[in-house]
Amino acid sequence: MKLITAIIQNEVLTQVHQNLIDNGIERITVSRCTGHGRQQDIELYRGQEVTPSLIPKVRLEIACNDDFVEKAIEAILESACVDGGKAGDGKIFITTLDECIRIRTGERGTATI
């Protein structure tokens, strides 16, 4: 079992979500977040360039069995890349899940995902 965490731009959320569904991945968690990577979102304020410290982003979390990890990664990569790829398109993190427990039944393991 793996936990896929993807930080993407707000504008591509609909496309990423649809691409995940098309690839059989329907259970996701979406959160609004802010952050800053290498991209420079420079704005003009009173004639001076100002770089904001935090930029609005979307955080996706997908818990999936090992068979679906590559499908999820490919679905995100296909639809989250803006204008052929540029700084600020986001990141994907893969972490191992030791255990998953369904609260309603107490069921454990891969069947809960």
PDB file of N, CA and C in Angstrom:
ATOM      1  N   MET A   1       0.842  -1.170   0.000  1.00  0.00           N
ATOM      2  CA  MET A   1       0.000   0.000   0.000  1.00  0.00           C
ATOM      3  C   MET A   1       0.889   1.235   0.000  1.00  0.00           C
ATOM      4  N   LYS A   2       0.470   2.228  -0.750  1.00  0.00           N
ATOM      5  CA  LYS A   2       1.221   3.474  -0.855  1.00  0.00           C
ATOM      6  C   LYS A   2       0.280   4.658  -0.666  1.00  0.00           C
ATOM      7  N   LEU A   3       0.868   5.760  -0.221  1.00  0.00           N
ATOM      8  CA  LEU A   3       0.153   7.029  -0.155  1.00  0.00           C
ATOM      9  C   LEU A   3       0.816   7.951  -1.160  1.00  0.00           C
ATOM     10  N   ILE A   4       0.040   8.377  -2.154  1.00  0.00           N
ATOM     11  CA  ILE A   4       0.529   9.304  -3.165  1.00  0.00           C
ATOM     12  C   ILE A   4       0.038  10.686  -2.773  1.00  0.00           C
ATOM     13  N   THR A   5       0.969  11.613  -2.593  1.00  0.00           N
ATOM     14  CA  THR A   5       0.644  12.995  -2.285  1.00  0.00           C
ATOM     15  C   THR A   5       1.136  13.834  -3.452  1.00  0.00           C
ATOM     16  N   ALA A   6       0.239  14.583  -4.062  1.00  0.00           N
ATOM     17  CA  ALA A   6       0.603  15.429  -5.194  1.00  0.00           C
ATOM     18  C   ALA A   6       0.220  16.863  -4.884  1.00  0.00           C
ATOM     19  N   ILE A   7       1.143  17.773  -5.133  1.00  0.00           N
ATOM     20  CA  ILE A   7       0.879  19.202  -5.012  1.00  0.00           C
ATOM     21  C   ILE A   7       0.810  19.734  -6.441  1.00  0.00           C
ATOM     22  N   ILE A   8      -0.349  20.274  -6.829  1.00  0.00           N
ATOM     23  CA  ILE A   8      -0.549  20.724  -8.202  1.00  0.00           C
ATOM     24  C   ILE A   8      -1.134  22.129  -8.216  1.00  0.00           C
ATOM     25  N   GLN A   9      -1.185  22.723  -9.399  1.00  0.00           N
ATOM     26  CA  GLN A   9      -1.786  24.039  -9.546  1.00  0.00           C
ATOM     27  C   GLN A   9      -3.307  23.939  -9.489  1.00  0.00           C
ATOM     28  N   ASN A  10      -3.938  25.009  -8.994  1.00  0.00           N
ATOM     29  CA  ASN A  10      -5.397  25.041  -8.879  1.00  0.00           C
ATOM     30  C   ASN A  10      -6.091  24.806 -10.218  1.00  0.00           C
ATOM     31  N   GLU A  11      -5.528  25.368 -11.280  1.00  0.00           N
ATOM     32  CA  GLU A  11      -6.180  25.357 -12.593  1.00  0.00           C
ATOM     33  C   GLU A  11      -6.303  23.966 -13.200  1.00  0.00           C
ATOM     34  N   VAL A  12      -5.481  23.020 -12.767  1.00  0.00           N
ATOM     35  CA  VAL A  12      -5.489  21.695 -13.392  1.00  0.00           C
ATOM     36  C   VAL A  12      -6.227  20.649 -12.568  1.00  0.00           C
ATOM     37  N   LEU A  13      -6.820  21.047 -11.464  1.00  0.00           N
ATOM     38  CA  LEU A  13      -7.495  20.084 -10.586  1.00  0.00           C
ATOM     39  C   LEU A  13      -8.566  19.289 -11.322  1.00  0.00           C
ATOM     40  N   THR A  14      -9.411  19.941 -12.092  1.00  0.00           N
ATOM     41  CA  THR A  14     -10.502  19.246 -12.782  1.00  0.00           C
ATOM     42  C   THR A  14      -9.954  18.212 -13.759  1.00  0.00           C
ATOM     43  N   GLN A  15      -8.921  18.581 -14.531  1.00  0.00           N
ATOM     44  CA  GLN A  15      -8.350  17.653 -15.490  1.00  0.00           C
ATOM     45  C   GLN A  15      -7.684  16.466 -14.793  1.00  0.00           C
ATOM     46  N   VAL A  16      -6.945  16.730 -13.712  1.00  0.00           N
ATOM     47  CA  VAL A  16      -6.279  15.662 -12.968  1.00  0.00           C
ATOM     48  C   VAL A  16      -7.324  14.717 -12.370  1.00  0.00           C
ATOM     49  N   HIS A  17      -8.352  15.286 -11.764  1.00  0.00           N
ATOM     50  CA  HIS A  17      -9.412  14.470 -11.158  1.00  0.00           C
ATOM     51  C   HIS A  17     -10.076  13.573 -12.202  1.00  0.00           C
ATOM     52  N   GLN A  18     -10.408  14.131 -13.360  1.00  0.00           N
ATOM     53  CA  GLN A  18     -11.051  13.347 -14.411  1.00  0.00           C
ATOM     54  C   GLN A  18     -10.117  12.254 -14.935  1.00  0.00           C
ATOM     55  N   ASN A  19      -8.848  12.573 -15.086  1.00  0.00           N
ATOM     56  CA  ASN A  19      -7.881  11.592 -15.570  1.00  0.00           C
ATOM     57  C   ASN A  19      -7.704  10.446 -14.564  1.00  0.00           C
ATOM     58  N   LEU A  20      -7.723  10.763 -13.275  1.00  0.00           N
ATOM     59  CA  LEU A  20      -7.653   9.716 -12.250  1.00  0.00           C
ATOM     60  C   LEU A  20      -8.875   8.798 -12.332  1.00  0.00           C
ATOM     61  N   ILE A  21     -10.061   9.384 -12.467  1.00  0.00           N
ATOM     62  CA  ILE A  21     -11.290   8.594 -12.579  1.00  0.00           C
ATOM     63  C   ILE A  21     -11.240   7.704 -13.818  1.00  0.00           C
ATOM     64  N   ASP A  22     -10.766   8.259 -14.941  1.00  0.00           N
ATOM     65  CA  ASP A  22     -10.658   7.485 -16.181  1.00  0.00           C
ATOM     66  C   ASP A  22      -9.709   6.299 -16.031  1.00  0.00           C
ATOM     67  N   ASN A  23      -8.757   6.394 -15.100  1.00  0.00           N
ATOM     68  CA  ASN A  23      -7.799   5.316 -14.865  1.00  0.00           C
ATOM     69  C   ASN A  23      -8.186   4.425 -13.696  1.00  0.00           C
ATOM     70  N   GLY A  24      -9.431   4.538 -13.235  1.00  0.00           N
ATOM     71  CA  GLY A  24      -9.939   3.649 -12.195  1.00  0.00           C
ATOM     72  C   GLY A  24      -9.598   4.052 -10.774  1.00  0.00           C
ATOM     73  N   ILE A  25      -9.162   5.293 -10.579  1.00  0.00           N
ATOM     74  CA  ILE A  25      -8.818   5.772  -9.239  1.00  0.00           C
ATOM     75  C   ILE A  25      -9.851   6.816  -8.848  1.00  0.00           C
ATOM     76  N   GLU A  26     -10.772   6.435  -7.970  1.00  0.00           N
ATOM     77  CA  GLU A  26     -11.903   7.289  -7.642  1.00  0.00           C
ATOM     78  C   GLU A  26     -11.870   7.823  -6.218  1.00  0.00           C
ATOM     79  N   ARG A  27     -11.047   7.253  -5.369  1.00  0.00           N
ATOM     80  CA  ARG A  27     -11.025   7.661  -3.965  1.00  0.00           C
ATOM     81  C   ARG A  27      -9.822   8.555  -3.710  1.00  0.00           C
ATOM     82  N   ILE A  28     -10.085   9.858  -3.637  1.00  0.00           N
ATOM     83  CA  ILE A  28      -9.002  10.811  -3.398  1.00  0.00           C
ATOM     84  C   ILE A  28      -9.448  11.836  -2.359  1.00  0.00           C
ATOM     85  N   THR A  29      -8.482  12.468  -1.748  1.00  0.00           N
ATOM     86  CA  THR A  29      -8.737  13.569  -0.830  1.00  0.00           C
ATOM     87  C   THR A  29      -8.092  14.815  -1.419  1.00  0.00           C
ATOM     88  N   VAL A  30      -8.829  15.915  -1.442  1.00  0.00           N
ATOM     89  CA  VAL A  30      -8.336  17.168  -2.008  1.00  0.00           C
ATOM     90  C   VAL A  30      -8.353  18.232  -0.919  1.00  0.00           C
ATOM     91  N   SER A  31      -7.234  18.943  -0.791  1.00  0.00           N
ATOM     92  CA  SER A  31      -7.124  20.032   0.186  1.00  0.00           C
ATOM     93  C   SER A  31      -6.522  21.241  -0.486  1.00  0.00           C
ATOM     94  N   ARG A  32      -6.940  22.405  -0.066  1.00  0.00           N
ATOM     95  CA  ARG A  32      -6.315  23.647  -0.523  1.00  0.00           C
ATOM     96  C   ARG A  32      -5.108  23.899   0.371  1.00  0.00           C
ATOM     97  N   CYS A  33      -4.027  24.337  -0.228  1.00  0.00           N
ATOM     98  CA  CYS A  33      -2.830  24.618   0.552  1.00  0.00           C
ATOM     99  C   CYS A  33      -2.076  25.778  -0.093  1.00  0.00           C
ATOM    100  N   THR A  34      -1.058  26.246   0.561  1.00  0.00           N
ATOM    101  CA  THR A  34      -0.191  27.268  -0.004  1.00  0.00           C
ATOM    102  C   THR A  34       1.248  26.819   0.166  1.00  0.00           C
ATOM    103  N   GLY A  35       2.098  27.276  -0.729  1.00  0.00           N
ATOM    104  CA  GLY A  35       3.500  26.893  -0.643  1.00  0.00           C
ATOM    105  C   GLY A  35       4.311  27.641  -1.666  1.00  0.00           C
ATOM    106  N   HIS A  36       5.591  27.337  -1.696  1.00  0.00           N
ATOM    107  CA  HIS A  36       6.474  27.994  -2.650  1.00  0.00           C
ATOM    108  C   HIS A  36       7.616  27.063  -2.985  1.00  0.00           C
ATOM    109  N   GLY A  37       7.826  26.852  -4.248  1.00  0.00           N
ATOM    110  CA  GLY A  37       8.949  26.051  -4.721  1.00  0.00           C
ATOM    111  C   GLY A  37       9.929  26.949  -5.446  1.00  0.00           C
ATOM    112  N   ARG A  38      10.366  26.509  -6.617  1.00  0.00           N
ATOM    113  CA  ARG A  38      11.337  27.269  -7.393  1.00  0.00           C
ATOM    114  C   ARG A  38      10.719  28.342  -8.271  1.00  0.00           C
ATOM    115  N   GLN A  39       9.405  28.247  -8.522  1.00  0.00           N
ATOM    116  CA  GLN A  39       8.790  29.202  -9.434  1.00  0.00           C
ATOM    117  C   GLN A  39       8.813  30.601  -8.845  1.00  0.00           C
ATOM    118  N   GLN A  40       8.821  31.579  -9.721  1.00  0.00           N
ATOM    119  CA  GLN A  40       8.832  32.971  -9.291  1.00  0.00           C
ATOM    120  C   GLN A  40       7.523  33.601  -9.730  1.00  0.00           C
ATOM    121  N   ASP A  41       6.639  33.836  -8.836  1.00  0.00           N
ATOM    122  CA  ASP A  41       5.365  34.481  -9.123  1.00  0.00           C
ATOM    123  C   ASP A  41       5.522  35.957  -8.760  1.00  0.00           C
ATOM    124  N   ILE A  42       6.194  36.680  -9.601  1.00  0.00           N
ATOM    125  CA  ILE A  42       6.548  38.070  -9.305  1.00  0.00           C
ATOM    126  C   ILE A  42       5.371  38.979  -9.662  1.00  0.00           C
ATOM    127  N   GLU A  43       5.036  39.879  -8.768  1.00  0.00           N
ATOM    128  CA  GLU A  43       3.975  40.850  -8.983  1.00  0.00           C
ATOM    129  C   GLU A  43       4.560  42.251  -8.861  1.00  0.00           C
ATOM    130  N   LEU A  44       3.872  43.182  -9.490  1.00  0.00           N
ATOM    131  CA  LEU A  44       4.273  44.582  -9.340  1.00  0.00           C
ATOM    132  C   LEU A  44       3.395  45.237  -8.286  1.00  0.00           C
ATOM    133  N   TYR A  45       4.001  45.881  -7.320  1.00  0.00           N
ATOM    134  CA  TYR A  45       3.277  46.602  -6.285  1.00  0.00           C
ATOM    135  C   TYR A  45       3.935  47.961  -6.142  1.00  0.00           C
ATOM    136  N   ARG A  46       3.186  48.999  -6.496  1.00  0.00           N
ATOM    137  CA  ARG A  46       3.696  50.376  -6.448  1.00  0.00           C
ATOM    138  C   ARG A  46       5.008  50.530  -7.216  1.00  0.00           C
ATOM    139  N   GLY A  47       5.050  49.875  -8.390  1.00  0.00           N
ATOM    140  CA  GLY A  47       6.205  50.007  -9.264  1.00  0.00           C
ATOM    141  C   GLY A  47       7.393  49.146  -8.922  1.00  0.00           C
ATOM    142  N   GLN A  48       7.305  48.349  -7.851  1.00  0.00           N
ATOM    143  CA  GLN A  48       8.425  47.495  -7.473  1.00  0.00           C
ATOM    144  C   GLN A  48       8.011  46.031  -7.582  1.00  0.00           C
ATOM    145  N   GLU A  49       8.973  45.191  -7.981  1.00  0.00           N
ATOM    146  CA  GLU A  49       8.703  43.765  -8.056  1.00  0.00           C
ATOM    147  C   GLU A  49       8.682  43.155  -6.662  1.00  0.00           C
ATOM    148  N   VAL A  50       7.608  42.409  -6.383  1.00  0.00           N
ATOM    149  CA  VAL A  50       7.451  41.763  -5.080  1.00  0.00           C
ATOM    150  C   VAL A  50       7.186  40.286  -5.326  1.00  0.00           C
ATOM    151  N   THR A  51       7.940  39.434  -4.673  1.00  0.00           N
ATOM    152  CA  THR A  51       7.719  37.993  -4.768  1.00  0.00           C
ATOM    153  C   THR A  51       6.939  37.536  -3.546  1.00  0.00           C
ATOM    154  N   PRO A  52       5.693  37.080  -3.744  1.00  0.00           N
ATOM    155  CA  PRO A  52       4.925  36.599  -2.593  1.00  0.00           C
ATOM    156  C   PRO A  52       5.569  35.348  -2.002  1.00  0.00           C
ATOM    157  N   SER A  53       5.446  35.195  -0.708  1.00  0.00           N
ATOM    158  CA  SER A  53       6.101  34.068  -0.049  1.00  0.00           C
ATOM    159  C   SER A  53       5.349  32.752  -0.243  1.00  0.00           C
ATOM    160  N   LEU A  54       4.031  32.789  -0.366  1.00  0.00           N
ATOM    161  CA  LEU A  54       3.248  31.558  -0.503  1.00  0.00           C
ATOM    162  C   LEU A  54       2.262  31.687  -1.662  1.00  0.00           C
ATOM    163  N   ILE A  55       2.143  30.622  -2.438  1.00  0.00           N
ATOM    164  CA  ILE A  55       1.286  30.606  -3.619  1.00  0.00           C
ATOM    165  C   ILE A  55       0.207  29.538  -3.414  1.00  0.00           C
ATOM    166  N   PRO A  56      -1.060  29.844  -3.753  1.00  0.00           N
ATOM    167  CA  PRO A  56      -2.129  28.853  -3.593  1.00  0.00           C
ATOM    168  C   PRO A  56      -1.896  27.628  -4.476  1.00  0.00           C
ATOM    169  N   LYS A  57      -2.077  26.455  -3.907  1.00  0.00           N
ATOM    170  CA  LYS A  57      -1.931  25.176  -4.607  1.00  0.00           C
ATOM    171  C   LYS A  57      -3.038  24.236  -4.149  1.00  0.00           C
ATOM    172  N   VAL A  58      -3.078  23.050  -4.733  1.00  0.00           N
ATOM    173  CA  VAL A  58      -4.011  22.000  -4.347  1.00  0.00           C
ATOM    174  C   VAL A  58      -3.188  20.771  -3.967  1.00  0.00           C
ATOM    175  N   ARG A  59      -3.589  20.118  -2.885  1.00  0.00           N
ATOM    176  CA  ARG A  59      -2.904  18.915  -2.420  1.00  0.00           C
ATOM    177  C   ARG A  59      -3.848  17.732  -2.591  1.00  0.00           C
ATOM    178  N   LEU A  60      -3.408  16.732  -3.342  1.00  0.00           N
ATOM    179  CA  LEU A  60      -4.169  15.499  -3.526  1.00  0.00           C
ATOM    180  C   LEU A  60      -3.519  14.401  -2.705  1.00  0.00           C
ATOM    181  N   GLU A  61      -4.324  13.602  -2.047  1.00  0.00           N
ATOM    182  CA  GLU A  61      -3.822  12.432  -1.337  1.00  0.00           C
ATOM    183  C   GLU A  61      -4.611  11.224  -1.812  1.00  0.00           C
ATOM    184  N   ILE A  62      -3.871  10.216  -2.246  1.00  0.00           N
ATOM    185  CA  ILE A  62      -4.481   9.010  -2.791  1.00  0.00           C
ATOM    186  C   ILE A  62      -3.832   7.808  -2.116  1.00  0.00           C
ATOM    187  N   ALA A  63      -4.603   7.072  -1.349  1.00  0.00           N
ATOM    188  CA  ALA A  63      -4.124   5.812  -0.768  1.00  0.00           C
ATOM    189  C   ALA A  63      -4.521   4.717  -1.743  1.00  0.00           C
ATOM    190  N   CYS A  64      -3.527   3.925  -2.181  1.00  0.00           N
ATOM    191  CA  CYS A  64      -3.850   2.897  -3.158  1.00  0.00           C
ATOM    192  C   CYS A  64      -2.992   1.658  -2.952  1.00  0.00           C
ATOM    193  N   ASN A  65      -3.492   0.547  -3.486  1.00  0.00           N
ATOM    194  CA  ASN A  65      -2.737  -0.694  -3.483  1.00  0.00           C
ATOM    195  C   ASN A  65      -1.610  -0.577  -4.507  1.00  0.00           C
ATOM    196  N   ASP A  66      -0.600  -1.387  -4.357  1.00  0.00           N
ATOM    197  CA  ASP A  66       0.589  -1.300  -5.208  1.00  0.00           C
ATOM    198  C   ASP A  66       0.272  -1.392  -6.698  1.00  0.00           C
ATOM    199  N   ASP A  67      -0.770  -2.116  -7.068  1.00  0.00           N
ATOM    200  CA  ASP A  67      -1.134  -2.272  -8.479  1.00  0.00           C
ATOM    201  C   ASP A  67      -1.566  -0.957  -9.130  1.00  0.00           C
ATOM    202  N   PHE A  68      -2.025   0.001  -8.339  1.00  0.00           N
ATOM    203  CA  PHE A  68      -2.559   1.250  -8.885  1.00  0.00           C
ATOM    204  C   PHE A  68      -1.585   2.426  -8.799  1.00  0.00           C
ATOM    205  N   VAL A  69      -0.423   2.233  -8.214  1.00  0.00           N
ATOM    206  CA  VAL A  69       0.518   3.337  -8.004  1.00  0.00           C
ATOM    207  C   VAL A  69       0.951   3.959  -9.328  1.00  0.00           C
ATOM    208  N   GLU A  70       1.423   3.147 -10.258  1.00  0.00           N
ATOM    209  CA  GLU A  70       1.898   3.684 -11.543  1.00  0.00           C
ATOM    210  C   GLU A  70       0.765   4.313 -12.342  1.00  0.00           C
ATOM    211  N   LYS A  71      -0.443   3.723 -12.288  1.00  0.00           N
ATOM    212  CA  LYS A  71      -1.591   4.308 -12.982  1.00  0.00           C
ATOM    213  C   LYS A  71      -1.886   5.704 -12.449  1.00  0.00           C
ATOM    214  N   ALA A  72      -1.835   5.862 -11.134  1.00  0.00           N
ATOM    215  CA  ALA A  72      -2.111   7.158 -10.514  1.00  0.00           C
ATOM    216  C   ALA A  72      -1.037   8.174 -10.880  1.00  0.00           C
ATOM    217  N   ILE A  73       0.223   7.762 -10.842  1.00  0.00           N
ATOM    218  CA  ILE A  73       1.318   8.670 -11.182  1.00  0.00           C
ATOM    219  C   ILE A  73       1.188   9.137 -12.617  1.00  0.00           C
ATOM    220  N   GLU A  74       0.953   8.227 -13.534  1.00  0.00           N
ATOM    221  CA  GLU A  74       0.822   8.585 -14.949  1.00  0.00           C
ATOM    222  C   GLU A  74      -0.372   9.511 -15.183  1.00  0.00           C
ATOM    223  N   ALA A  75      -1.486   9.244 -14.503  1.00  0.00           N
ATOM    224  CA  ALA A  75      -2.669  10.085 -14.655  1.00  0.00           C
ATOM    225  C   ALA A  75      -2.390  11.511 -14.195  1.00  0.00           C
ATOM    226  N   ILE A  76      -1.663  11.656 -13.109  1.00  0.00           N
ATOM    227  CA  ILE A  76      -1.326  12.995 -12.605  1.00  0.00           C
ATOM    228  C   ILE A  76      -0.345  13.687 -13.551  1.00  0.00           C
ATOM    229  N   LEU A  77       0.697  12.960 -13.963  1.00  0.00           N
ATOM    230  CA  LEU A  77       1.703  13.554 -14.845  1.00  0.00           C
ATOM    231  C   LEU A  77       1.102  14.019 -16.171  1.00  0.00           C
ATOM    232  N   GLU A  78       0.187  13.234 -16.733  1.00  0.00           N
ATOM    233  CA  GLU A  78      -0.423  13.582 -18.016  1.00  0.00           C
ATOM    234  C   GLU A  78      -1.228  14.867 -17.960  1.00  0.00           C
ATOM    235  N   SER A  79      -1.884  15.127 -16.849  1.00  0.00           N
ATOM    236  CA  SER A  79      -2.820  16.246 -16.807  1.00  0.00           C
ATOM    237  C   SER A  79      -2.379  17.417 -15.943  1.00  0.00           C
ATOM    238  N   ALA A  80      -1.321  17.277 -15.167  1.00  0.00           N
ATOM    239  CA  ALA A  80      -0.898  18.374 -14.288  1.00  0.00           C
ATOM    240  C   ALA A  80       0.182  19.254 -14.910  1.00  0.00           C
ATOM    241  N   CYS A  81       0.763  18.804 -15.997  1.00  0.00           N
ATOM    242  CA  CYS A  81       1.822  19.559 -16.668  1.00  0.00           C
ATOM    243  C   CYS A  81       1.187  20.677 -17.491  1.00  0.00           C
ATOM    244  N   VAL A  82       1.530  21.932 -17.195  1.00  0.00           N
ATOM    245  CA  VAL A  82       0.934  23.091 -17.858  1.00  0.00           C
ATOM    246  C   VAL A  82       1.881  23.627 -18.921  1.00  0.00           C
ATOM    247  N   ASP A  83       1.361  23.862 -20.120  1.00  0.00           N
ATOM    248  CA  ASP A  83       2.132  24.470 -21.216  1.00  0.00           C
ATOM    249  C   ASP A  83       3.461  23.768 -21.475  1.00  0.00           C
ATOM    250  N   GLY A  84       3.450  22.455 -21.513  1.00  0.00           N
ATOM    251  CA  GLY A  84       4.659  21.706 -21.815  1.00  0.00           C
ATOM    252  C   GLY A  84       5.631  21.567 -20.663  1.00  0.00           C
ATOM    253  N   GLY A  85       5.272  22.030 -19.498  1.00  0.00           N
ATOM    254  CA  GLY A  85       6.107  21.896 -18.309  1.00  0.00           C
ATOM    255  C   GLY A  85       6.867  23.160 -17.971  1.00  0.00           C
ATOM    256  N   LYS A  86       6.703  23.592 -16.739  1.00  0.00           N
ATOM    257  CA  LYS A  86       7.419  24.767 -16.248  1.00  0.00           C
ATOM    258  C   LYS A  86       7.512  24.694 -14.739  1.00  0.00           C
ATOM    259  N   ALA A  87       8.377  25.509 -14.168  1.00  0.00           N
ATOM    260  CA  ALA A  87       8.504  25.555 -12.713  1.00  0.00           C
ATOM    261  C   ALA A  87       7.154  25.930 -12.119  1.00  0.00           C
ATOM    262  N   GLY A  88       6.769  25.227 -11.073  1.00  0.00           N
ATOM    263  CA  GLY A  88       5.489  25.496 -10.424  1.00  0.00           C
ATOM    264  C   GLY A  88       4.408  24.500 -10.762  1.00  0.00           C
ATOM    265  N   ASP A  89       4.693  23.543 -11.669  1.00  0.00           N
ATOM    266  CA  ASP A  89       3.682  22.537 -12.012  1.00  0.00           C
ATOM    267  C   ASP A  89       3.380  21.606 -10.848  1.00  0.00           C
ATOM    268  N   GLY A  90       4.316  21.426  -9.923  1.00  0.00           N
ATOM    269  CA  GLY A  90       4.039  20.644  -8.728  1.00  0.00           C
ATOM    270  C   GLY A  90       5.012  19.503  -8.503  1.00  0.00           C
ATOM    271  N   LYS A  91       4.659  18.672  -7.541  1.00  0.00           N
ATOM    272  CA  LYS A  91       5.480  17.528  -7.142  1.00  0.00           C
ATOM    273  C   LYS A  91       4.555  16.364  -6.804  1.00  0.00           C
ATOM    274  N   ILE A  92       5.122  15.152  -6.897  1.00  0.00           N
ATOM    275  CA  ILE A  92       4.432  13.943  -6.474  1.00  0.00           C
ATOM    276  C   ILE A  92       5.339  13.236  -5.470  1.00  0.00           C
ATOM    277  N   PHE A  93       4.785  12.878  -4.320  1.00  0.00           N
ATOM    278  CA  PHE A  93       5.517  12.170  -3.276  1.00  0.00           C
ATOM    279  C   PHE A  93       4.860  10.804  -3.071  1.00  0.00           C
ATOM    280  N   ILE A  94       5.669   9.760  -2.967  1.00  0.00           N
ATOM    281  CA  ILE A  94       5.159   8.412  -2.723  1.00  0.00           C
ATOM    282  C   ILE A  94       5.707   7.932  -1.384  1.00  0.00           C
ATOM    283  N   THR A  95       4.816   7.550  -0.482  1.00  0.00           N
ATOM    284  CA  THR A  95       5.240   7.025   0.809  1.00  0.00           C
ATOM    285  C   THR A  95       4.559   5.677   1.042  1.00  0.00           C
ATOM    286  N   THR A  96       5.215   4.838   1.800  1.00  0.00           N
ATOM    287  CA  THR A  96       4.677   3.512   2.106  1.00  0.00           C
ATOM    288  C   THR A  96       3.692   3.616   3.265  1.00  0.00           C
ATOM    289  N   LEU A  97       2.557   2.940   3.116  1.00  0.00           N
ATOM    290  CA  LEU A  97       1.567   2.859   4.198  1.00  0.00           C
ATOM    291  C   LEU A  97       1.768   1.540   4.935  1.00  0.00           C
ATOM    292  N   ASP A  98       2.026   1.613   6.209  1.00  0.00           N
ATOM    293  CA  ASP A  98       2.197   0.394   6.999  1.00  0.00           C
ATOM    294  C   ASP A  98       0.867  -0.293   7.271  1.00  0.00           C
ATOM    295  N   GLU A  99      -0.160   0.499   7.483  1.00  0.00           N
ATOM    296  CA  GLU A  99      -1.454  -0.076   7.850  1.00  0.00           C
ATOM    297  C   GLU A  99      -2.563   0.875   7.434  1.00  0.00           C
ATOM    298  N   CYS A 100      -3.700   0.308   7.104  1.00  0.00           N
ATOM    299  CA  CYS A 100      -4.901   1.085   6.810  1.00  0.00           C
ATOM    300  C   CYS A 100      -6.055   0.405   7.540  1.00  0.00           C
ATOM    301  N   ILE A 101      -6.836   1.196   8.259  1.00  0.00           N
ATOM    302  CA  ILE A 101      -7.928   0.639   9.068  1.00  0.00           C
ATOM    303  C   ILE A 101      -9.213   1.385   8.731  1.00  0.00           C
ATOM    304  N   ARG A 102     -10.250   0.629   8.392  1.00  0.00           N
ATOM    305  CA  ARG A 102     -11.558   1.232   8.147  1.00  0.00           C
ATOM    306  C   ARG A 102     -12.222   1.441   9.503  1.00  0.00           C
ATOM    307  N   ILE A 103     -12.528   2.671   9.835  1.00  0.00           N
ATOM    308  CA  ILE A 103     -13.068   3.013  11.152  1.00  0.00           C
ATOM    309  C   ILE A 103     -14.410   2.336  11.406  1.00  0.00           C
ATOM    310  N   ARG A 104     -15.279   2.302  10.418  1.00  0.00           N
ATOM    311  CA  ARG A 104     -16.621   1.758  10.595  1.00  0.00           C
ATOM    312  C   ARG A 104     -16.608   0.301  11.027  1.00  0.00           C
ATOM    313  N   THR A 105     -15.736  -0.512  10.425  1.00  0.00           N
ATOM    314  CA  THR A 105     -15.757  -1.958  10.691  1.00  0.00           C
ATOM    315  C   THR A 105     -14.546  -2.474  11.453  1.00  0.00           C
ATOM    316  N   GLY A 106     -13.480  -1.681  11.503  1.00  0.00           N
ATOM    317  CA  GLY A 106     -12.247  -2.146  12.132  1.00  0.00           C
ATOM    318  C   GLY A 106     -11.409  -3.016  11.207  1.00  0.00           C
ATOM    319  N   GLU A 107     -11.877  -3.190   9.980  1.00  0.00           N
ATOM    320  CA  GLU A 107     -11.167  -3.992   8.986  1.00  0.00           C
ATOM    321  C   GLU A 107      -9.783  -3.388   8.711  1.00  0.00           C
ATOM    322  N   ARG A 108      -8.790  -4.236   8.463  1.00  0.00           N
ATOM    323  CA  ARG A 108      -7.422  -3.775   8.247  1.00  0.00           C
ATOM    324  C   ARG A 108      -6.858  -4.313   6.934  1.00  0.00           C
ATOM    325  N   GLY A 109      -5.868  -3.611   6.407  1.00  0.00           N
ATOM    326  CA  GLY A 109      -5.127  -4.091   5.252  1.00  0.00           C
ATOM    327  C   GLY A 109      -5.571  -3.533   3.932  1.00  0.00           C
ATOM    328  N   THR A 110      -5.141  -4.204   2.860  1.00  0.00           N
ATOM    329  CA  THR A 110      -5.377  -3.705   1.509  1.00  0.00           C
ATOM    330  C   THR A 110      -6.861  -3.672   1.118  1.00  0.00           C
ATOM    331  N   ALA A 111      -7.659  -4.497   1.719  1.00  0.00           N
ATOM    332  CA  ALA A 111      -9.087  -4.507   1.405  1.00  0.00           C
ATOM    333  C   ALA A 111      -9.793  -3.217   1.812  1.00  0.00           C
ATOM    334  N   THR A 112      -9.210  -2.470   2.745  1.00  0.00           N
ATOM    335  CA  THR A 112      -9.840  -1.238   3.211  1.00  0.00           C
ATOM    336  C   THR A 112      -9.707  -0.107   2.196  1.00  0.00           C
ATOM    337  N   ILE A 113      -8.734  -0.223   1.318  1.00  0.00           N
ATOM    338  CA  ILE A 113      -8.519   0.810   0.309  1.00  0.00           C
ATOM    339  C   ILE A 113      -9.405   0.526  -0.869  1.00  0.00           C
TER     340      ILE A 113
END
